Amino acid sequence: MFTAYVVVTVLAAAANGYSASNHFTRPQWILDTMTSYNVPLTWLPPLGVLKAAGVLGLLVGLRVTAIAVAASVGLILYYVGAMAAILRSRRYAHLPAPVPFLLLVAGSLTLRLASS
């Protein structure tokens, strides 16, 4: 069970690390997407920091259960907020976009709690 937790957590950290890096490098597609969700572009760096902190927490959480739980819950709340922003902007076709990230983090949390 712990091996599955490590694999899912490393995948979640990699996916979220990539996503966080997009908030810092600001490719045009993310600028367009955030604008379409009515999210101010000035929010990109703080949102990237939140994701990066979650990634760091997931990786440190491989050794410290409380940090793993806190990071997972934080990222889950992040993606619930992202889905709310998508719903608020009425871009319903985009609603599935955060789901893989949310499922990876939820899987990490579930496996961590099961293997503790």
PDB file of N, CA and C in Angstrom:
ATOM      1  N   MET A   1       0.823  -1.191   0.000  1.00  0.00           N
ATOM      2  CA  MET A   1       0.000   0.000   0.000  1.00  0.00           C
ATOM      3  C   MET A   1       0.866   1.254   0.000  1.00  0.00           C
ATOM      4  N   PHE A   2       1.961   1.242   0.755  1.00  0.00           N
ATOM      5  CA  PHE A   2       2.829   2.419   0.820  1.00  0.00           C
ATOM      6  C   PHE A   2       3.467   2.694  -0.535  1.00  0.00           C
ATOM      7  N   THR A   3       3.802   1.631  -1.275  1.00  0.00           N
ATOM      8  CA  THR A   3       4.391   1.823  -2.603  1.00  0.00           C
ATOM      9  C   THR A   3       3.400   2.531  -3.530  1.00  0.00           C
ATOM     10  N   ALA A   4       2.151   2.138  -3.479  1.00  0.00           N
ATOM     11  CA  ALA A   4       1.120   2.799  -4.286  1.00  0.00           C
ATOM     12  C   ALA A   4       1.002   4.264  -3.885  1.00  0.00           C
ATOM     13  N   TYR A   5       1.063   4.531  -2.594  1.00  0.00           N
ATOM     14  CA  TYR A   5       1.009   5.918  -2.109  1.00  0.00           C
ATOM     15  C   TYR A   5       2.164   6.731  -2.678  1.00  0.00           C
ATOM     16  N   VAL A   6       3.366   6.184  -2.641  1.00  0.00           N
ATOM     17  CA  VAL A   6       4.537   6.907  -3.145  1.00  0.00           C
ATOM     18  C   VAL A   6       4.381   7.191  -4.640  1.00  0.00           C
ATOM     19  N   VAL A   7       3.941   6.201  -5.401  1.00  0.00           N
ATOM     20  CA  VAL A   7       3.790   6.373  -6.852  1.00  0.00           C
ATOM     21  C   VAL A   7       2.750   7.455  -7.154  1.00  0.00           C
ATOM     22  N   VAL A   8       1.593   7.374  -6.519  1.00  0.00           N
ATOM     23  CA  VAL A   8       0.526   8.354  -6.779  1.00  0.00           C
ATOM     24  C   VAL A   8       0.965   9.741  -6.322  1.00  0.00           C
ATOM     25  N   THR A   9       1.656   9.823  -5.202  1.00  0.00           N
ATOM     26  CA  THR A   9       2.099  11.115  -4.692  1.00  0.00           C
ATOM     27  C   THR A   9       3.142  11.756  -5.595  1.00  0.00           C
ATOM     28  N   VAL A  10       4.064  10.964  -6.083  1.00  0.00           N
ATOM     29  CA  VAL A  10       5.080  11.505  -6.996  1.00  0.00           C
ATOM     30  C   VAL A  10       4.414  11.975  -8.298  1.00  0.00           C
ATOM     31  N   LEU A  11       3.437  11.229  -8.791  1.00  0.00           N
ATOM     32  CA  LEU A  11       2.696  11.668  -9.982  1.00  0.00           C
ATOM     33  C   LEU A  11       1.927  12.960  -9.706  1.00  0.00           C
ATOM     34  N   ALA A  12       1.285  13.032  -8.545  1.00  0.00           N
ATOM     35  CA  ALA A  12       0.549  14.247  -8.176  1.00  0.00           C
ATOM     36  C   ALA A  12       1.493  15.434  -8.049  1.00  0.00           C
ATOM     37  N   ALA A  13       2.651  15.218  -7.444  1.00  0.00           N
ATOM     38  CA  ALA A  13       3.630  16.294  -7.295  1.00  0.00           C
ATOM     39  C   ALA A  13       4.154  16.748  -8.656  1.00  0.00           C
ATOM     40  N   ALA A  14       4.416  15.810  -9.544  1.00  0.00           N
ATOM     41  CA  ALA A  14       4.915  16.162 -10.878  1.00  0.00           C
ATOM     42  C   ALA A  14       3.862  16.952 -11.664  1.00  0.00           C
ATOM     43  N   ALA A  15       2.628  16.497 -11.634  1.00  0.00           N
ATOM     44  CA  ALA A  15       1.558  17.185 -12.361  1.00  0.00           C
ATOM     45  C   ALA A  15       1.348  18.590 -11.810  1.00  0.00           C
ATOM     46  N   ASN A  16       1.322  18.707 -10.506  1.00  0.00           N
ATOM     47  CA  ASN A  16       1.117  20.021  -9.893  1.00  0.00           C
ATOM     48  C   ASN A  16       2.339  20.916 -10.038  1.00  0.00           C
ATOM     49  N   GLY A  17       3.508  20.328 -10.074  1.00  0.00           N
ATOM     50  CA  GLY A  17       4.720  21.109 -10.319  1.00  0.00           C
ATOM     51  C   GLY A  17       4.711  21.704 -11.716  1.00  0.00           C
ATOM     52  N   TYR A  18       4.296  20.914 -12.685  1.00  0.00           N
ATOM     53  CA  TYR A  18       4.163  21.415 -14.050  1.00  0.00           C
ATOM     54  C   TYR A  18       3.138  22.546 -14.102  1.00  0.00           C
ATOM     55  N   SER A  19       2.018  22.330 -13.443  1.00  0.00           N
ATOM     56  CA  SER A  19       0.963  23.337 -13.435  1.00  0.00           C
ATOM     57  C   SER A  19       1.431  24.628 -12.755  1.00  0.00           C
ATOM     58  N   ALA A  20       2.134  24.496 -11.643  1.00  0.00           N
ATOM     59  CA  ALA A  20       2.657  25.675 -10.943  1.00  0.00           C
ATOM     60  C   ALA A  20       3.648  26.425 -11.822  1.00  0.00           C
ATOM     61  N   SER A  21       4.488  25.690 -12.534  1.00  0.00           N
ATOM     62  CA  SER A  21       5.479  26.355 -13.389  1.00  0.00           C
ATOM     63  C   SER A  21       4.802  27.166 -14.486  1.00  0.00           C
ATOM     64  N   ASN A  22       3.636  26.706 -14.958  1.00  0.00           N
ATOM     65  CA  ASN A  22       2.893  27.469 -15.959  1.00  0.00           C
ATOM     66  C   ASN A  22       2.389  28.791 -15.396  1.00  0.00           C
ATOM     67  N   HIS A  23       2.116  28.826 -14.118  1.00  0.00           N
ATOM     68  CA  HIS A  23       1.679  30.082 -13.501  1.00  0.00           C
ATOM     69  C   HIS A  23       2.822  31.092 -13.447  1.00  0.00           C
ATOM     70  N   PHE A  24       4.040  30.603 -13.372  1.00  0.00           N
ATOM     71  CA  PHE A  24       5.199  31.503 -13.304  1.00  0.00           C
ATOM     72  C   PHE A  24       5.714  31.886 -14.690  1.00  0.00           C
ATOM     73  N   THR A  25       5.664  30.953 -15.647  1.00  0.00           N
ATOM     74  CA  THR A  25       6.173  31.251 -16.993  1.00  0.00           C
ATOM     75  C   THR A  25       5.130  31.948 -17.860  1.00  0.00           C
ATOM     76  N   ARG A  26       3.866  31.851 -17.486  1.00  0.00           N
ATOM     77  CA  ARG A  26       2.770  32.568 -18.125  1.00  0.00           C
ATOM     78  C   ARG A  26       2.670  32.354 -19.635  1.00  0.00           C
ATOM     79  N   PRO A  27       2.556  31.120 -20.101  1.00  0.00           N
ATOM     80  CA  PRO A  27       2.350  30.918 -21.540  1.00  0.00           C
ATOM     81  C   PRO A  27       1.005  31.534 -21.954  1.00  0.00           C
ATOM     82  N   GLN A  28       0.900  31.864 -23.212  1.00  0.00           N
ATOM     83  CA  GLN A  28      -0.296  32.570 -23.698  1.00  0.00           C
ATOM     84  C   GLN A  28      -1.578  31.796 -23.417  1.00  0.00           C
ATOM     85  N   TRP A  29      -1.531  30.470 -23.547  1.00  0.00           N
ATOM     86  CA  TRP A  29      -2.753  29.699 -23.332  1.00  0.00           C
ATOM     87  C   TRP A  29      -3.273  29.832 -21.910  1.00  0.00           C
ATOM     88  N   ILE A  30      -2.387  29.943 -20.932  1.00  0.00           N
ATOM     89  CA  ILE A  30      -2.873  30.092 -19.557  1.00  0.00           C
ATOM     90  C   ILE A  30      -3.403  31.508 -19.326  1.00  0.00           C
ATOM     91  N   LEU A  31      -2.800  32.486 -19.961  1.00  0.00           N
ATOM     92  CA  LEU A  31      -3.318  33.849 -19.865  1.00  0.00           C
ATOM     93  C   LEU A  31      -4.723  33.923 -20.460  1.00  0.00           C
ATOM     94  N   ASP A  32      -4.907  33.301 -21.606  1.00  0.00           N
ATOM     95  CA  ASP A  32      -6.229  33.286 -22.248  1.00  0.00           C
ATOM     96  C   ASP A  32      -7.256  32.553 -21.387  1.00  0.00           C
ATOM     97  N   THR A  33      -6.837  31.428 -20.825  1.00  0.00           N
ATOM     98  CA  THR A  33      -7.747  30.631 -20.004  1.00  0.00           C
ATOM     99  C   THR A  33      -8.163  31.398 -18.755  1.00  0.00           C
ATOM    100  N   MET A  34      -7.211  31.956 -18.050  1.00  0.00           N
ATOM    101  CA  MET A  34      -7.530  32.701 -16.835  1.00  0.00           C
ATOM    102  C   MET A  34      -8.410  33.912 -17.134  1.00  0.00           C
ATOM    103  N   THR A  35      -8.140  34.574 -18.246  1.00  0.00           N
ATOM    104  CA  THR A  35      -8.970  35.708 -18.649  1.00  0.00           C
ATOM    105  C   THR A  35     -10.398  35.246 -18.924  1.00  0.00           C
ATOM    106  N   SER A  36     -10.544  34.095 -19.567  1.00  0.00           N
ATOM    107  CA  SER A  36     -11.887  33.586 -19.862  1.00  0.00           C
ATOM    108  C   SER A  36     -12.633  33.181 -18.597  1.00  0.00           C
ATOM    109  N   TYR A  37     -11.900  32.865 -17.522  1.00  0.00           N
ATOM    110  CA  TYR A  37     -12.525  32.528 -16.236  1.00  0.00           C
ATOM    111  C   TYR A  37     -12.733  33.769 -15.366  1.00  0.00           C
ATOM    112  N   ASN A  38     -12.386  34.934 -15.888  1.00  0.00           N
ATOM    113  CA  ASN A  38     -12.480  36.192 -15.144  1.00  0.00           C
ATOM    114  C   ASN A  38     -11.584  36.194 -13.905  1.00  0.00           C
ATOM    115  N   VAL A  39     -10.466  35.516 -13.977  1.00  0.00           N
ATOM    116  CA  VAL A  39      -9.473  35.512 -12.903  1.00  0.00           C
ATOM    117  C   VAL A  39      -8.424  36.568 -13.262  1.00  0.00           C
ATOM    118  N   PRO A  40      -8.205  37.543 -12.379  1.00  0.00           N
ATOM    119  CA  PRO A  40      -7.200  38.569 -12.682  1.00  0.00           C
ATOM    120  C   PRO A  40      -5.816  37.944 -12.880  1.00  0.00           C
ATOM    121  N   LEU A  41      -5.091  38.410 -13.883  1.00  0.00           N
ATOM    122  CA  LEU A  41      -3.763  37.860 -14.168  1.00  0.00           C
ATOM    123  C   LEU A  41      -2.776  38.145 -13.043  1.00  0.00           C
ATOM    124  N   THR A  42      -3.060  39.114 -12.212  1.00  0.00           N
ATOM    125  CA  THR A  42      -2.196  39.385 -11.054  1.00  0.00           C
ATOM    126  C   THR A  42      -2.276  38.257 -10.027  1.00  0.00           C
ATOM    127  N   TRP A  43      -3.268  37.392 -10.154  1.00  0.00           N
ATOM    128  CA  TRP A  43      -3.395  36.253  -9.240  1.00  0.00           C
ATOM    129  C   TRP A  43      -2.506  35.082  -9.629  1.00  0.00           C
ATOM    130  N   LEU A  44      -1.963  35.093 -10.840  1.00  0.00           N
ATOM    131  CA  LEU A  44      -1.162  33.946 -11.290  1.00  0.00           C
ATOM    132  C   LEU A  44       0.019  33.639 -10.374  1.00  0.00           C
ATOM    133  N   PRO A  45       0.867  34.599 -10.017  1.00  0.00           N
ATOM    134  CA  PRO A  45       1.981  34.250  -9.122  1.00  0.00           C
ATOM    135  C   PRO A  45       1.537  33.694  -7.764  1.00  0.00           C
ATOM    136  N   PRO A  46       0.562  34.315  -7.073  1.00  0.00           N
ATOM    137  CA  PRO A  46       0.135  33.717  -5.800  1.00  0.00           C
ATOM    138  C   PRO A  46      -0.466  32.324  -5.959  1.00  0.00           C
ATOM    139  N   LEU A  47      -1.219  32.111  -7.042  1.00  0.00           N
ATOM    140  CA  LEU A  47      -1.768  30.774  -7.281  1.00  0.00           C
ATOM    141  C   LEU A  47      -0.655  29.760  -7.552  1.00  0.00           C
ATOM    142  N   GLY A  48       0.370  30.199  -8.279  1.00  0.00           N
ATOM    143  CA  GLY A  48       1.533  29.333  -8.524  1.00  0.00           C
ATOM    144  C   GLY A  48       2.258  28.995  -7.232  1.00  0.00           C
ATOM    145  N   VAL A  49       2.361  29.974  -6.338  1.00  0.00           N
ATOM    146  CA  VAL A  49       3.012  29.733  -5.042  1.00  0.00           C
ATOM    147  C   VAL A  49       2.205  28.716  -4.234  1.00  0.00           C
ATOM    148  N   LEU A  50       0.883  28.844  -4.268  1.00  0.00           N
ATOM    149  CA  LEU A  50       0.051  27.876  -3.543  1.00  0.00           C
ATOM    150  C   LEU A  50       0.260  26.460  -4.076  1.00  0.00           C
ATOM    151  N   LYS A  51       0.283  26.325  -5.394  1.00  0.00           N
ATOM    152  CA  LYS A  51       0.516  24.997  -5.978  1.00  0.00           C
ATOM    153  C   LYS A  51       1.916  24.485  -5.641  1.00  0.00           C
ATOM    154  N   ALA A  52       2.913  25.357  -5.742  1.00  0.00           N
ATOM    155  CA  ALA A  52       4.286  24.942  -5.434  1.00  0.00           C
ATOM    156  C   ALA A  52       4.414  24.522  -3.969  1.00  0.00           C
ATOM    157  N   ALA A  53       3.739  25.244  -3.086  1.00  0.00           N
ATOM    158  CA  ALA A  53       3.748  24.855  -1.665  1.00  0.00           C
ATOM    159  C   ALA A  53       3.090  23.492  -1.482  1.00  0.00           C
ATOM    160  N   GLY A  54       2.029  23.253  -2.237  1.00  0.00           N
ATOM    161  CA  GLY A  54       1.377  21.943  -2.186  1.00  0.00           C
ATOM    162  C   GLY A  54       2.296  20.835  -2.658  1.00  0.00           C
ATOM    163  N   VAL A  55       3.047  21.102  -3.723  1.00  0.00           N
ATOM    164  CA  VAL A  55       4.015  20.117  -4.238  1.00  0.00           C
ATOM    165  C   VAL A  55       5.070  19.815  -3.187  1.00  0.00           C
ATOM    166  N   LEU A  56       5.616  20.863  -2.593  1.00  0.00           N
ATOM    167  CA  LEU A  56       6.621  20.676  -1.552  1.00  0.00           C
ATOM    168  C   LEU A  56       6.035  19.888  -0.385  1.00  0.00           C
ATOM    169  N   GLY A  57       4.812  20.220  -0.004  1.00  0.00           N
ATOM    170  CA  GLY A  57       4.149  19.495   1.080  1.00  0.00           C
ATOM    171  C   GLY A  57       3.917  18.030   0.754  1.00  0.00           C
ATOM    172  N   LEU A  58       3.549  17.742  -0.495  1.00  0.00           N
ATOM    173  CA  LEU A  58       3.356  16.339  -0.886  1.00  0.00           C
ATOM    174  C   LEU A  58       4.665  15.565  -0.766  1.00  0.00           C
ATOM    175  N   LEU A  59       5.756  16.186  -1.205  1.00  0.00           N
ATOM    176  CA  LEU A  59       7.045  15.488  -1.171  1.00  0.00           C
ATOM    177  C   LEU A  59       7.576  15.330   0.249  1.00  0.00           C
ATOM    178  N   VAL A  60       7.467  16.381   1.058  1.00  0.00           N
ATOM    179  CA  VAL A  60       7.870  16.262   2.470  1.00  0.00           C
ATOM    180  C   VAL A  60       6.949  15.277   3.185  1.00  0.00           C
ATOM    181  N   GLY A  61       5.693  15.253   2.745  1.00  0.00           N
ATOM    182  CA  GLY A  61       4.713  14.350   3.335  1.00  0.00           C
ATOM    183  C   GLY A  61       5.011  12.883   3.118  1.00  0.00           C
ATOM    184  N   LEU A  62       5.939  12.570   2.221  1.00  0.00           N
ATOM    185  CA  LEU A  62       6.351  11.172   2.085  1.00  0.00           C
ATOM    186  C   LEU A  62       6.952  10.665   3.386  1.00  0.00           C
ATOM    187  N   ARG A  63       7.468  11.579   4.206  1.00  0.00           N
ATOM    188  CA  ARG A  63       8.052  11.221   5.506  1.00  0.00           C
ATOM    189  C   ARG A  63       7.200  11.647   6.694  1.00  0.00           C
ATOM    190  N   VAL A  64       6.408  12.721   6.540  1.00  0.00           N
ATOM    191  CA  VAL A  64       5.659  13.294   7.667  1.00  0.00           C
ATOM    192  C   VAL A  64       4.173  13.294   7.321  1.00  0.00           C
ATOM    193  N   THR A  65       3.423  12.431   7.960  1.00  0.00           N
ATOM    194  CA  THR A  65       2.009  12.245   7.634  1.00  0.00           C
ATOM    195  C   THR A  65       1.208  13.535   7.740  1.00  0.00           C
ATOM    196  N   ALA A  66       1.402  14.305   8.793  1.00  0.00           N
ATOM    197  CA  ALA A  66       0.605  15.521   8.987  1.00  0.00           C
ATOM    198  C   ALA A  66       0.804  16.510   7.841  1.00  0.00           C
ATOM    199  N   ILE A  67       2.015  16.611   7.342  1.00  0.00           N
ATOM    200  CA  ILE A  67       2.286  17.523   6.224  1.00  0.00           C
ATOM    201  C   ILE A  67       1.645  16.991   4.949  1.00  0.00           C
ATOM    202  N   ALA A  68       1.688  15.690   4.766  1.00  0.00           N
ATOM    203  CA  ALA A  68       1.043  15.084   3.591  1.00  0.00           C
ATOM    204  C   ALA A  68      -0.450  15.379   3.588  1.00  0.00           C
ATOM    205  N   VAL A  69      -1.076  15.225   4.735  1.00  0.00           N
ATOM    206  CA  VAL A  69      -2.513  15.473   4.843  1.00  0.00           C
ATOM    207  C   VAL A  69      -2.814  16.948   4.595  1.00  0.00           C
ATOM    208  N   ALA A  70      -2.047  17.837   5.214  1.00  0.00           N
ATOM    209  CA  ALA A  70      -2.277  19.274   5.037  1.00  0.00           C
ATOM    210  C   ALA A  70      -2.099  19.692   3.578  1.00  0.00           C
ATOM    211  N   ALA A  71      -1.052  19.206   2.933  1.00  0.00           N
ATOM    212  CA  ALA A  71      -0.799  19.557   1.531  1.00  0.00           C
ATOM    213  C   ALA A  71      -1.910  19.020   0.634  1.00  0.00           C
ATOM    214  N   SER A  72      -2.322  17.796   0.870  1.00  0.00           N
ATOM    215  CA  SER A  72      -3.383  17.200   0.050  1.00  0.00           C
ATOM    216  C   SER A  72      -4.695  17.955   0.216  1.00  0.00           C
ATOM    217  N   VAL A  73      -5.055  18.248   1.439  1.00  0.00           N
ATOM    218  CA  VAL A  73      -6.304  18.987   1.684  1.00  0.00           C
ATOM    219  C   VAL A  73      -6.224  20.376   1.046  1.00  0.00           C
ATOM    220  N   GLY A  74      -5.079  21.033   1.177  1.00  0.00           N
ATOM    221  CA  GLY A  74      -4.910  22.344   0.558  1.00  0.00           C
ATOM    222  C   GLY A  74      -5.070  22.303  -0.947  1.00  0.00           C
ATOM    223  N   LEU A  75      -4.460  21.310  -1.586  1.00  0.00           N
ATOM    224  CA  LEU A  75      -4.586  21.195  -3.044  1.00  0.00           C
ATOM    225  C   LEU A  75      -6.003  20.787  -3.459  1.00  0.00           C
ATOM    226  N   ILE A  76      -6.649  19.961  -2.677  1.00  0.00           N
ATOM    227  CA  ILE A  76      -8.046  19.607  -2.973  1.00  0.00           C
ATOM    228  C   ILE A  76      -8.908  20.862  -2.928  1.00  0.00           C
ATOM    229  N   LEU A  77      -8.728  21.685  -1.902  1.00  0.00           N
ATOM    230  CA  LEU A  77      -9.486  22.932  -1.811  1.00  0.00           C
ATOM    231  C   LEU A  77      -9.153  23.859  -2.979  1.00  0.00           C
ATOM    232  N   TYR A  78      -7.895  23.876  -3.388  1.00  0.00           N
ATOM    233  CA  TYR A  78      -7.473  24.679  -4.541  1.00  0.00           C
ATOM    234  C   TYR A  78      -8.276  24.275  -5.781  1.00  0.00           C
ATOM    235  N   TYR A  79      -8.359  22.982  -6.037  1.00  0.00           N
ATOM    236  CA  TYR A  79      -9.032  22.520  -7.252  1.00  0.00           C
ATOM    237  C   TYR A  79     -10.549  22.635  -7.152  1.00  0.00           C
ATOM    238  N   VAL A  80     -11.101  22.539  -5.970  1.00  0.00           N
ATOM    239  CA  VAL A  80     -12.529  22.823  -5.803  1.00  0.00           C
ATOM    240  C   VAL A  80     -12.785  24.298  -6.128  1.00  0.00           C
ATOM    241  N   GLY A  81     -11.880  25.174  -5.680  1.00  0.00           N
ATOM    242  CA  GLY A  81     -11.988  26.589  -6.022  1.00  0.00           C
ATOM    243  C   GLY A  81     -11.844  26.832  -7.511  1.00  0.00           C
ATOM    244  N   ALA A  82     -10.941  26.099  -8.159  1.00  0.00           N
ATOM    245  CA  ALA A  82     -10.773  26.224  -9.611  1.00  0.00           C
ATOM    246  C   ALA A  82     -12.051  25.818 -10.334  1.00  0.00           C
ATOM    247  N   MET A  83     -12.667  24.752  -9.867  1.00  0.00           N
ATOM    248  CA  MET A  83     -13.917  24.314 -10.486  1.00  0.00           C
ATOM    249  C   MET A  83     -15.024  25.336 -10.254  1.00  0.00           C
ATOM    250  N   ALA A  84     -15.027  25.966  -9.095  1.00  0.00           N
ATOM    251  CA  ALA A  84     -16.013  27.022  -8.821  1.00  0.00           C
ATOM    252  C   ALA A  84     -15.804  28.206  -9.757  1.00  0.00           C
ATOM    253  N   ALA A  85     -14.543  28.564 -10.013  1.00  0.00           N
ATOM    254  CA  ALA A  85     -14.250  29.671 -10.939  1.00  0.00           C
ATOM    255  C   ALA A  85     -14.724  29.328 -12.349  1.00  0.00           C
ATOM    256  N   ILE A  86     -14.554  28.082 -12.742  1.00  0.00           N
ATOM    257  CA  ILE A  86     -15.010  27.650 -14.066  1.00  0.00           C
ATOM    258  C   ILE A  86     -16.532  27.724 -14.150  1.00  0.00           C
ATOM    259  N   LEU A  87     -17.196  27.257 -13.108  1.00  0.00           N
ATOM    260  CA  LEU A  87     -18.665  27.323 -13.085  1.00  0.00           C
ATOM    261  C   LEU A  87     -19.150  28.769 -13.098  1.00  0.00           C
ATOM    262  N   ARG A  88     -18.490  29.622 -12.328  1.00  0.00           N
ATOM    263  CA  ARG A  88     -18.870  31.032 -12.247  1.00  0.00           C
ATOM    264  C   ARG A  88     -18.749  31.704 -13.609  1.00  0.00           C
ATOM    265  N   SER A  89     -17.747  31.311 -14.387  1.00  0.00           N
ATOM    266  CA  SER A  89     -17.541  31.909 -15.706  1.00  0.00           C
ATOM    267  C   SER A  89     -18.394  31.247 -16.794  1.00  0.00           C
ATOM    268  N   ARG A  90     -19.142  30.216 -16.412  1.00  0.00           N
ATOM    269  CA  ARG A  90     -20.027  29.484 -17.334  1.00  0.00           C
ATOM    270  C   ARG A  90     -19.267  28.813 -18.486  1.00  0.00           C
ATOM    271  N   ARG A  91     -18.036  28.405 -18.220  1.00  0.00           N
ATOM    272  CA  ARG A  91     -17.232  27.687 -19.223  1.00  0.00           C
ATOM    273  C   ARG A  91     -17.335  26.191 -18.927  1.00  0.00           C
ATOM    274  N   TYR A  92     -18.520  25.657 -19.007  1.00  0.00           N
ATOM    275  CA  TYR A  92     -18.821  24.301 -18.562  1.00  0.00           C
ATOM    276  C   TYR A  92     -17.987  23.240 -19.266  1.00  0.00           C
ATOM    277  N   ALA A  93     -17.606  23.474 -20.489  1.00  0.00           N
ATOM    278  CA  ALA A  93     -16.781  22.504 -21.214  1.00  0.00           C
ATOM    279  C   ALA A  93     -15.399  22.367 -20.580  1.00  0.00           C
ATOM    280  N   HIS A  94     -14.967  23.362 -19.811  1.00  0.00           N
ATOM    281  CA  HIS A  94     -13.659  23.333 -19.160  1.00  0.00           C
ATOM    282  C   HIS A  94     -13.704  22.654 -17.787  1.00  0.00           C
ATOM    283  N   LEU A  95     -14.890  22.321 -17.323  1.00  0.00           N
ATOM    284  CA  LEU A  95     -15.024  21.760 -15.976  1.00  0.00           C
ATOM    285  C   LEU A  95     -14.194  20.502 -15.743  1.00  0.00           C
ATOM    286  N   PRO A  96     -14.016  19.618 -16.716  1.00  0.00           N
ATOM    287  CA  PRO A  96     -13.193  18.426 -16.469  1.00  0.00           C
ATOM    288  C   PRO A  96     -11.685  18.710 -16.354  1.00  0.00           C
ATOM    289  N   ALA A  97     -11.221  19.892 -16.742  1.00  0.00           N
ATOM    290  CA  ALA A  97      -9.772  20.161 -16.770  1.00  0.00           C
ATOM    291  C   ALA A  97      -9.073  19.947 -15.426  1.00  0.00           C
ATOM    292  N   PRO A  98      -9.609  20.432 -14.303  1.00  0.00           N
ATOM    293  CA  PRO A  98      -8.903  20.220 -13.035  1.00  0.00           C
ATOM    294  C   PRO A  98      -9.105  18.827 -12.418  1.00  0.00           C
ATOM    295  N   VAL A  99     -10.012  18.043 -12.985  1.00  0.00           N
ATOM    296  CA  VAL A  99     -10.362  16.759 -12.372  1.00  0.00           C
ATOM    297  C   VAL A  99      -9.172  15.797 -12.247  1.00  0.00           C
ATOM    298  N   PRO A 100      -8.317  15.620 -13.256  1.00  0.00           N
ATOM    299  CA  PRO A 100      -7.180  14.698 -13.070  1.00  0.00           C
ATOM    300  C   PRO A 100      -6.253  15.123 -11.925  1.00  0.00           C
ATOM    301  N   PHE A 101      -6.021  16.427 -11.788  1.00  0.00           N
ATOM    302  CA  PHE A 101      -5.188  16.922 -10.693  1.00  0.00           C
ATOM    303  C   PHE A 101      -5.866  16.640  -9.352  1.00  0.00           C
ATOM    304  N   LEU A 102      -7.159  16.908  -9.288  1.00  0.00           N
ATOM    305  CA  LEU A 102      -7.927  16.672  -8.071  1.00  0.00           C
ATOM    306  C   LEU A 102      -7.918  15.189  -7.702  1.00  0.00           C
ATOM    307  N   LEU A 103      -8.095  14.319  -8.681  1.00  0.00           N
ATOM    308  CA  LEU A 103      -8.111  12.877  -8.402  1.00  0.00           C
ATOM    309  C   LEU A 103      -6.745  12.367  -7.941  1.00  0.00           C
ATOM    310  N   LEU A 104      -5.670  12.873  -8.542  1.00  0.00           N
ATOM    311  CA  LEU A 104      -4.330  12.459  -8.097  1.00  0.00           C
ATOM    312  C   LEU A 104      -4.091  12.853  -6.640  1.00  0.00           C
ATOM    313  N   VAL A 105      -4.460  14.074  -6.299  1.00  0.00           N
ATOM    314  CA  VAL A 105      -4.239  14.540  -4.928  1.00  0.00           C
ATOM    315  C   VAL A 105      -5.159  13.799  -3.951  1.00  0.00           C
ATOM    316  N   ALA A 106      -6.406  13.589  -4.346  1.00  0.00           N
ATOM    317  CA  ALA A 106      -7.323  12.836  -3.488  1.00  0.00           C
ATOM    318  C   ALA A 106      -6.844  11.395  -3.312  1.00  0.00           C
ATOM    319  N   GLY A 107      -6.321  10.817  -4.380  1.00  0.00           N
ATOM    320  CA  GLY A 107      -5.757   9.471  -4.280  1.00  0.00           C
ATOM    321  C   GLY A 107      -4.561   9.429  -3.356  1.00  0.00           C
ATOM    322  N   SER A 108      -3.719  10.442  -3.437  1.00  0.00           N
ATOM    323  CA  SER A 108      -2.562  10.530  -2.552  1.00  0.00           C
ATOM    324  C   SER A 108      -3.011  10.596  -1.096  1.00  0.00           C
ATOM    325  N   LEU A 109      -3.998  11.438  -0.827  1.00  0.00           N
ATOM    326  CA  LEU A 109      -4.515  11.570   0.543  1.00  0.00           C
ATOM    327  C   LEU A 109      -5.112  10.260   1.033  1.00  0.00           C
ATOM    328  N   THR A 110      -5.912   9.633   0.194  1.00  0.00           N
ATOM    329  CA  THR A 110      -6.559   8.377   0.585  1.00  0.00           C
ATOM    330  C   THR A 110      -5.518   7.287   0.870  1.00  0.00           C
ATOM    331  N   LEU A 111      -4.547   7.161  -0.010  1.00  0.00           N
ATOM    332  CA  LEU A 111      -3.509   6.144   0.188  1.00  0.00           C
ATOM    333  C   LEU A 111      -2.650   6.446   1.397  1.00  0.00           C
ATOM    334  N   ARG A 112      -2.374   7.722   1.656  1.00  0.00           N
ATOM    335  CA  ARG A 112      -1.573   8.085   2.838  1.00  0.00           C
ATOM    336  C   ARG A 112      -2.314   7.707   4.107  1.00  0.00           C
ATOM    337  N   LEU A 113      -3.586   8.024   4.152  1.00  0.00           N
ATOM    338  CA  LEU A 113      -4.372   7.689   5.352  1.00  0.00           C
ATOM    339  C   LEU A 113      -4.512   6.183   5.512  1.00  0.00           C
ATOM    340  N   ALA A 114      -4.604   5.452   4.402  1.00  0.00           N
ATOM    341  CA  ALA A 114      -4.732   3.993   4.462  1.00  0.00           C
ATOM    342  C   ALA A 114      -3.425   3.321   4.860  1.00  0.00           C
ATOM    343  N   SER A 115      -2.300   3.951   4.558  1.00  0.00           N
ATOM    344  CA  SER A 115      -1.008   3.306   4.838  1.00  0.00           C
ATOM    345  C   SER A 115      -0.379   3.788   6.150  1.00  0.00           C
ATOM    346  N   SER A 116      -1.049   4.682   6.854  1.00  0.00           N
ATOM    347  CA  SER A 116      -0.491   5.201   8.121  1.00  0.00           C
ATOM    348  C   SER A 116      -0.703   4.223   9.253  1.00  0.00           C
TER     349      SER A 116
END
